[in-house]
Amino acid sequence: MRCIAERAASPKLRLGRTSFALALLLAVTAVGPASAAGPAPLSTAELRARTAAIPREVRAPVPPRPSQFEEGEPILPANRVVAIYGAPQLGSTALGERSSRSAAKLAARQARAYVKRGERPAIPALDLIGVVANSTPGPDRLYRTRQPDDLIAEYLKRVRAIGGRLMIDIQPGRSPILDEIEHLEPWLDEPDVDIAIDPEWNVGRHGVPGRTVGRVTASEINAASRALQRLVADEDLPPKILVVHQFHKGSIRKRRRVKERRDVEVTFNFDGIGAPGPKIAGYEALASSTLFNGFSVFYDLDTKVMSPKQVLGLDPVADFLLYQ
């Protein structure tokens, strides 16, 4: 995602970053003038320091599994998922600007706005960056940090309190995506926990987050969806959502080879920043006709924040909405 570090301290600096994002987008086969680059990621040491400083709000155990997600019914397209994105260490993200309790309330409120205007139910969600890309190698030299279990548990508890879902976002750095999914498997055993992959931070064996614009291949996505499909079958779980973020054509290599899978709802989420016109054009250019589609709204960085009514007018319709 674009908002991986602190937001610009002044409007002038923020405009400069947007100009850089536009140049980058055009340089990597853009779909339109909706921009999509952001500040550099945090170092491993800085991220750990911020993690240690986070007050843990939840001491009680995570509530029992929610009954509404135990039936095995598909989530999409019968419902629309409305998620709030970020990490508590990253102040430029929606989750970084508020407590976990406040974030859950915001998710519920944002979802209700779509229930009032839409034709289908809206499920609130929190999209927590569970694997955070770093600008420095870290002890294992993989340029990423995994969130502690107690922090993930806190957000799962909050989202269960509002009858929603938790999405764990993966910014792999140099780590193989399947390794991160395997690490998160204890959480994915829960019926209301999904996965997102952010190609921008999937920099391969030699890249550096913040310097290298990452991407993901169809084969990597297919391997991830296959792993989730097996987990669903082995643990007798209801279907899961697999979101893959994209802001230009190069985000997903060989997109047409991404497979549909039973019980895994693969969703391409467009997360460009900009004015409504360019954002809509970018979404339409990258939307899938066979998989599910998502759309991101940036509270602070979009030129004009689109209303739920405008978002519901997207063609094709957006099944997943992400607020940052």
Protein backbone atom coordinates (compact mmCIF):
# COMPACT_ATOMS: atom_id res chain seq x y z
CA MET A 1 0.00 0.00 0.00
CA ARG A 2 1.02 3.52 -0.54
CA CYS A 3 0.81 4.82 3.04
CA ILE A 4 3.53 2.69 4.60
CA ALA A 5 5.31 5.41 6.60
CA GLU A 6 4.48 8.70 8.21
CA ARG A 7 2.56 11.13 6.00
CA ALA A 8 4.23 14.28 4.74
CA ALA A 9 4.66 16.96 7.36
CA SER A 10 3.40 19.71 5.08
CA PRO A 11 1.01 20.00 2.11
CA LYS A 12 3.89 21.09 -0.07
CA LEU A 13 5.88 17.96 0.69
CA ARG A 14 2.83 15.81 0.21
CA LEU A 15 2.30 17.34 -3.23
CA GLY A 16 5.90 16.55 -4.12
CA ARG A 17 5.37 12.93 -3.24
CA THR A 18 2.25 12.85 -5.36
CA SER A 19 4.21 14.26 -8.30
CA PHE A 20 6.86 11.60 -7.81
CA ALA A 21 4.14 8.96 -7.63
CA LEU A 22 2.67 10.16 -10.91
CA ALA A 23 6.05 10.00 -12.63
CA LEU A 24 6.63 6.53 -11.27
CA LEU A 25 3.21 5.35 -12.34
CA LEU A 26 3.68 6.59 -15.88
CA ALA A 27 7.09 4.97 -16.02
CA VAL A 28 5.76 1.52 -15.16
CA THR A 29 2.90 1.23 -17.65
CA ALA A 30 0.30 3.34 -15.96
CA VAL A 31 -3.41 3.10 -16.52
CA GLY A 32 -4.06 6.77 -15.85
CA PRO A 33 -3.07 9.70 -13.67
CA ALA A 34 -4.16 8.19 -10.35
CA SER A 35 -0.86 8.05 -8.48
CA ALA A 36 0.34 5.28 -6.24
CA ALA A 37 3.78 5.61 -4.65
CA GLY A 38 4.53 6.59 -1.11
CA PRO A 39 7.11 7.40 1.53
CA ALA A 40 9.92 5.01 2.36
CA PRO A 41 9.21 2.12 4.74
CA LEU A 42 10.48 2.16 8.31
CA SER A 43 13.72 0.52 9.34
CA THR A 44 13.51 -2.71 11.29
CA ALA A 45 14.75 -0.98 14.46
CA GLU A 46 12.26 1.89 14.20
CA LEU A 47 9.35 -0.48 13.60
CA ARG A 48 10.32 -2.58 16.61
CA ALA A 49 10.61 0.51 18.79
CA ARG A 50 7.15 1.65 17.78
CA THR A 51 5.77 -1.85 18.35
CA ALA A 52 7.16 -1.90 21.88
CA ALA A 53 5.53 1.47 22.58
CA ILE A 54 2.02 0.39 21.57
CA PRO A 55 -0.28 0.05 24.60
CA ARG A 56 -2.01 -3.32 24.50
CA GLU A 57 -5.71 -2.71 25.01
CA VAL A 58 -6.89 -6.31 25.10
CA ARG A 59 -5.79 -8.62 27.89
CA ALA A 60 -8.73 -11.03 27.81
CA PRO A 61 -8.77 -14.04 25.46
CA VAL A 62 -10.06 -13.66 21.93
CA PRO A 63 -13.84 -14.31 21.83
CA PRO A 64 -15.17 -17.60 20.45
CA ARG A 65 -15.43 -18.15 16.73
CA PRO A 66 -18.36 -16.26 15.22
CA SER A 67 -21.28 -18.45 14.20
CA GLN A 68 -22.19 -16.34 11.17
CA PHE A 69 -19.01 -17.41 9.35
CA GLU A 70 -19.22 -21.12 10.17
CA GLU A 71 -21.85 -22.09 7.61
CA GLY A 72 -19.56 -22.44 4.61
CA GLU A 73 -21.50 -19.96 2.50
CA PRO A 74 -19.53 -17.73 0.08
CA ILE A 75 -18.76 -14.25 1.36
CA LEU A 76 -18.69 -12.58 -2.05
CA PRO A 77 -20.68 -11.49 -4.00
CA ALA A 78 -23.62 -11.94 -1.63
CA ASN A 79 -21.95 -9.41 0.67
CA ARG A 80 -19.68 -6.43 0.27
CA VAL A 81 -16.64 -6.22 2.57
CA VAL A 82 -15.69 -2.74 3.83
CA ALA A 83 -12.27 -2.65 5.51
CA ILE A 84 -10.11 -0.13 7.37
CA TYR A 85 -6.40 -0.52 6.59
CA GLY A 86 -3.07 -0.07 8.28
CA ALA A 87 -0.93 -0.88 11.27
CA PRO A 88 -0.73 0.80 14.68
CA GLN A 89 2.98 1.55 14.16
CA LEU A 90 2.31 3.48 10.95
CA GLY A 91 0.73 6.82 11.70
CA SER A 92 -0.07 7.58 8.06
CA THR A 93 -2.53 4.67 7.92
CA ALA A 94 -6.09 4.62 9.20
CA LEU A 95 -5.24 1.99 11.82
CA GLY A 96 -2.20 4.01 12.86
CA GLU A 97 -4.27 7.10 13.59
CA ARG A 98 -6.55 5.49 16.17
CA SER A 99 -6.82 2.75 18.76
CA SER A 100 -7.97 -0.74 17.82
CA ARG A 101 -11.31 -0.05 19.52
CA SER A 102 -11.79 3.18 17.58
CA ALA A 103 -10.76 1.48 14.33
CA ALA A 104 -13.40 -1.20 14.79
CA LYS A 105 -16.04 1.46 15.41
CA LEU A 106 -14.95 3.26 12.24
CA ALA A 107 -15.18 0.04 10.23
CA ALA A 108 -18.71 -0.60 11.49
CA ARG A 109 -19.74 2.97 10.71
CA GLN A 110 -18.20 2.89 7.23
CA ALA A 111 -19.92 -0.41 6.46
CA ARG A 112 -23.29 0.96 7.57
CA ALA A 113 -22.94 3.76 5.01
CA TYR A 114 -22.95 1.11 2.28
CA VAL A 115 -25.83 -0.85 3.76
CA LYS A 116 -27.96 2.30 3.55
CA ARG A 117 -27.14 2.88 -0.11
CA GLY A 118 -26.32 -0.54 -1.51
CA GLU A 119 -28.27 -3.55 -2.61
CA ARG A 120 -26.39 -6.10 -0.51
CA PRO A 121 -25.19 -6.47 3.09
CA ALA A 122 -21.85 -4.95 4.07
CA ILE A 123 -19.42 -6.75 6.37
CA PRO A 124 -17.02 -4.51 8.33
CA ALA A 125 -13.37 -5.56 8.42
CA LEU A 126 -9.96 -4.50 9.67
CA ASP A 127 -7.07 -4.96 7.24
CA LEU A 128 -4.05 -5.21 9.52
CA ILE A 129 -0.57 -5.23 7.99
CA GLY A 130 0.61 -8.44 9.61
CA VAL A 131 3.92 -8.60 7.74
CA VAL A 132 5.49 -5.14 7.41
CA ALA A 133 8.14 -4.33 4.79
CA ASN A 134 11.29 -2.64 6.12
CA SER A 135 14.00 -0.47 4.60
CA THR A 136 16.70 -2.46 6.43
CA PRO A 137 17.41 -6.21 6.27
CA GLY A 138 16.69 -7.23 9.85
CA PRO A 139 18.20 -10.31 11.54
CA ASP A 140 17.07 -12.72 8.82
CA ARG A 141 17.91 -10.27 6.00
CA LEU A 142 14.41 -10.56 4.54
CA TYR A 143 13.46 -6.87 4.85
CA ARG A 144 10.23 -7.54 6.69
CA THR A 145 8.92 -7.78 10.25
CA ARG A 146 6.11 -10.03 11.43
CA GLN A 147 3.60 -8.54 13.83
CA PRO A 148 3.51 -10.12 17.31
CA ASP A 149 0.70 -12.55 18.02
CA ASP A 150 -0.75 -10.51 20.87
CA LEU A 151 -1.21 -7.54 18.55
CA ILE A 152 -2.99 -9.65 15.92
CA ALA A 153 -5.16 -11.13 18.67
CA GLU A 154 -6.13 -7.62 19.77
CA TYR A 155 -7.43 -6.71 16.33
CA LEU A 156 -9.22 -10.04 15.95
CA LYS A 157 -11.01 -9.43 19.23
CA ARG A 158 -12.05 -5.95 18.15
CA VAL A 159 -13.37 -7.09 14.79
CA ARG A 160 -15.33 -9.94 16.34
CA ALA A 161 -17.02 -7.45 18.62
CA ILE A 162 -18.59 -5.82 15.55
CA GLY A 163 -19.39 -9.05 13.69
CA GLY A 164 -16.71 -8.42 11.09
CA ARG A 165 -13.62 -10.02 9.57
CA LEU A 166 -9.88 -9.61 10.02
CA MET A 167 -7.68 -9.42 6.96
CA ILE A 168 -3.95 -9.93 7.46
CA ASP A 169 -1.97 -7.98 4.88
CA ILE A 170 1.40 -9.31 3.73
CA GLN A 171 4.22 -6.99 2.61
CA PRO A 172 6.76 -9.74 1.92
CA GLY A 173 10.01 -7.83 1.37
CA ARG A 174 12.37 -10.59 0.25
CA SER A 175 10.47 -13.36 2.01
CA PRO A 176 8.57 -15.91 -0.13
CA ILE A 177 4.84 -15.29 0.09
CA LEU A 178 4.11 -18.94 0.88
CA ASP A 179 6.46 -18.79 3.87
CA GLU A 180 4.45 -15.90 5.28
CA ILE A 181 1.16 -17.69 4.70
CA GLU A 182 2.52 -20.75 6.47
CA HIS A 183 3.62 -18.59 9.40
CA LEU A 184 0.12 -17.09 9.61
CA GLU A 185 -1.64 -20.46 9.42
CA PRO A 186 -2.68 -20.49 13.11
CA TRP A 187 -4.63 -17.31 12.41
CA LEU A 188 -5.95 -18.55 9.08
CA ASP A 189 -7.44 -21.52 10.91
CA GLU A 190 -10.02 -19.02 12.16
CA PRO A 191 -13.18 -18.77 10.02
CA ASP A 192 -13.19 -14.97 9.95
CA VAL A 193 -9.55 -14.30 8.98
CA ASP A 194 -8.47 -13.60 5.39
CA ILE A 195 -5.25 -12.70 3.56
CA ALA A 196 -4.07 -9.80 1.39
CA ILE A 197 -0.87 -9.59 -0.65
CA ASP A 198 0.76 -6.26 -1.53
CA PRO A 199 2.89 -6.69 -4.68
CA GLU A 200 4.59 -3.31 -4.29
CA TRP A 201 6.59 -4.70 -1.37
CA ASN A 202 7.31 -8.11 -2.90
CA VAL A 203 10.81 -7.18 -4.04
CA GLY A 204 12.39 -10.57 -4.74
CA ARG A 205 15.75 -11.91 -3.60
CA HIS A 206 17.75 -8.77 -4.38
CA GLY A 207 15.32 -5.85 -4.05
CA VAL A 208 15.00 -3.34 -1.24
CA PRO A 209 11.58 -2.03 -0.13
CA GLY A 210 11.32 1.68 -0.83
CA ARG A 211 13.88 1.46 -3.63
CA THR A 212 12.53 -1.43 -5.66
CA VAL A 213 8.97 -1.37 -7.01
CA GLY A 214 7.84 -4.92 -6.40
CA ARG A 215 5.37 -7.09 -8.24
CA VAL A 216 3.74 -10.48 -7.93
CA THR A 217 3.30 -13.18 -10.57
CA ALA A 218 0.20 -15.16 -11.41
CA SER A 219 2.02 -18.30 -10.30
CA GLU A 220 2.66 -16.77 -6.85
CA ILE A 221 -1.00 -15.83 -6.50
CA ASN A 222 -2.10 -19.27 -7.67
CA ALA A 223 0.23 -20.92 -5.16
CA ALA A 224 -1.20 -18.73 -2.39
CA SER A 225 -4.80 -19.49 -3.33
CA ARG A 226 -3.98 -23.21 -3.55
CA ALA A 227 -2.52 -23.11 -0.04
CA LEU A 228 -5.65 -21.38 1.27
CA GLN A 229 -7.89 -23.84 -0.57
CA ARG A 230 -6.12 -26.78 1.07
CA LEU A 231 -6.36 -25.14 4.47
CA VAL A 232 -10.09 -24.58 4.04
CA ALA A 233 -10.58 -28.22 3.03
CA ASP A 234 -8.31 -29.71 5.71
CA GLU A 235 -9.78 -27.67 8.56
CA ASP A 236 -13.38 -27.71 7.30
CA LEU A 237 -13.46 -23.91 7.15
CA PRO A 238 -15.82 -21.56 5.32
CA PRO A 239 -14.51 -19.77 2.19
CA LYS A 240 -11.74 -17.19 2.51
CA ILE A 241 -10.94 -13.99 0.66
CA LEU A 242 -7.54 -13.48 -0.96
CA VAL A 243 -6.99 -9.82 -1.89
CA VAL A 244 -4.17 -8.78 -4.22
CA HIS A 245 -3.51 -5.04 -4.36
CA GLN A 246 -2.64 -3.36 -7.65
CA PHE A 247 -2.07 0.18 -8.84
CA HIS A 248 -0.71 -0.37 -12.35
CA LYS A 249 -0.58 -3.10 -14.97
CA GLY A 250 2.81 -4.27 -13.80
CA SER A 251 1.65 -4.98 -10.24
CA ILE A 252 0.49 -8.46 -11.26
CA ARG A 253 2.51 -10.20 -13.94
CA LYS A 254 0.51 -12.45 -16.31
CA ARG A 255 -2.76 -11.45 -14.65
CA ARG A 256 -4.86 -13.50 -17.04
CA ARG A 257 -3.34 -16.68 -15.66
CA VAL A 258 -4.63 -16.07 -12.14
CA LYS A 259 -7.01 -18.92 -11.41
CA GLU A 260 -10.44 -19.04 -9.86
CA ARG A 261 -10.61 -21.49 -6.97
CA ARG A 262 -13.44 -23.05 -5.06
CA ASP A 263 -13.67 -21.61 -1.54
CA VAL A 264 -11.03 -18.92 -2.19
CA GLU A 265 -12.44 -15.60 -3.38
CA VAL A 266 -9.55 -13.97 -5.26
CA THR A 267 -10.02 -10.20 -5.39
CA PHE A 268 -8.01 -7.59 -7.31
CA ASN A 269 -8.02 -4.36 -5.31
CA PHE A 270 -7.20 -1.12 -7.13
CA ASP A 271 -5.39 1.22 -4.74
CA GLY A 272 -4.38 4.26 -6.75
CA ILE A 273 -4.40 7.72 -5.16
CA GLY A 274 -5.87 10.78 -6.86
CA ALA A 275 -9.01 12.55 -8.00
CA PRO A 276 -12.21 10.57 -8.63
CA GLY A 277 -11.91 10.66 -12.43
CA PRO A 278 -8.43 9.13 -12.69
CA LYS A 279 -9.19 6.65 -9.92
CA ILE A 280 -12.32 5.44 -11.68
CA ALA A 281 -10.43 5.16 -14.98
CA GLY A 282 -7.66 3.18 -13.30
CA TYR A 283 -10.13 0.86 -11.63
CA GLU A 284 -12.00 0.19 -14.86
CA ALA A 285 -8.77 -0.48 -16.74
CA LEU A 286 -7.58 -3.07 -14.21
CA ALA A 287 -10.88 -4.65 -13.18
CA SER A 288 -11.30 -8.38 -13.69
CA SER A 289 -14.25 -9.89 -15.51
CA THR A 290 -13.81 -13.32 -13.88
CA LEU A 291 -12.53 -12.58 -10.36
CA PHE A 292 -13.76 -10.19 -7.68
CA ASN A 293 -12.81 -6.51 -7.65
CA GLY A 294 -11.87 -4.05 -4.93
CA PHE A 295 -11.37 -0.30 -4.68
CA SER A 296 -9.38 1.82 -2.22
CA VAL A 297 -10.36 5.20 -0.81
CA PHE A 298 -7.71 7.34 0.92
CA TYR A 299 -9.11 9.58 3.64
CA ASP A 300 -6.20 12.04 3.55
CA LEU A 301 -4.36 11.49 0.26
CA ASP A 302 -7.12 11.41 -2.35
CA THR A 303 -7.73 14.79 -3.98
CA LYS A 304 -11.42 14.41 -3.17
CA VAL A 305 -12.72 11.53 -1.10
CA MET A 306 -15.36 9.66 -3.06
CA SER A 307 -18.72 9.16 -1.38
CA PRO A 308 -20.30 5.72 -0.96
CA LYS A 309 -22.79 6.72 -3.64
CA GLN A 310 -19.94 7.41 -6.09
CA VAL A 311 -18.16 4.19 -5.17
CA LEU A 312 -21.32 2.17 -5.71
CA GLY A 313 -21.47 3.62 -9.22
CA LEU A 314 -18.25 1.87 -10.27
CA ASP A 315 -18.52 -0.44 -13.25
CA PRO A 316 -17.96 -3.29 -12.61
CA VAL A 317 -19.27 -3.12 -9.09
CA ALA A 318 -16.66 -3.25 -6.31
CA ASP A 319 -17.04 -6.25 -3.99
CA PHE A 320 -14.31 -5.16 -1.57
CA LEU A 321 -13.69 -1.62 -0.34
CA LEU A 322 -10.57 -0.51 1.50
CA TYR A 323 -10.35 2.75 3.45
CA GLN A 324 -6.89 4.06 4.32
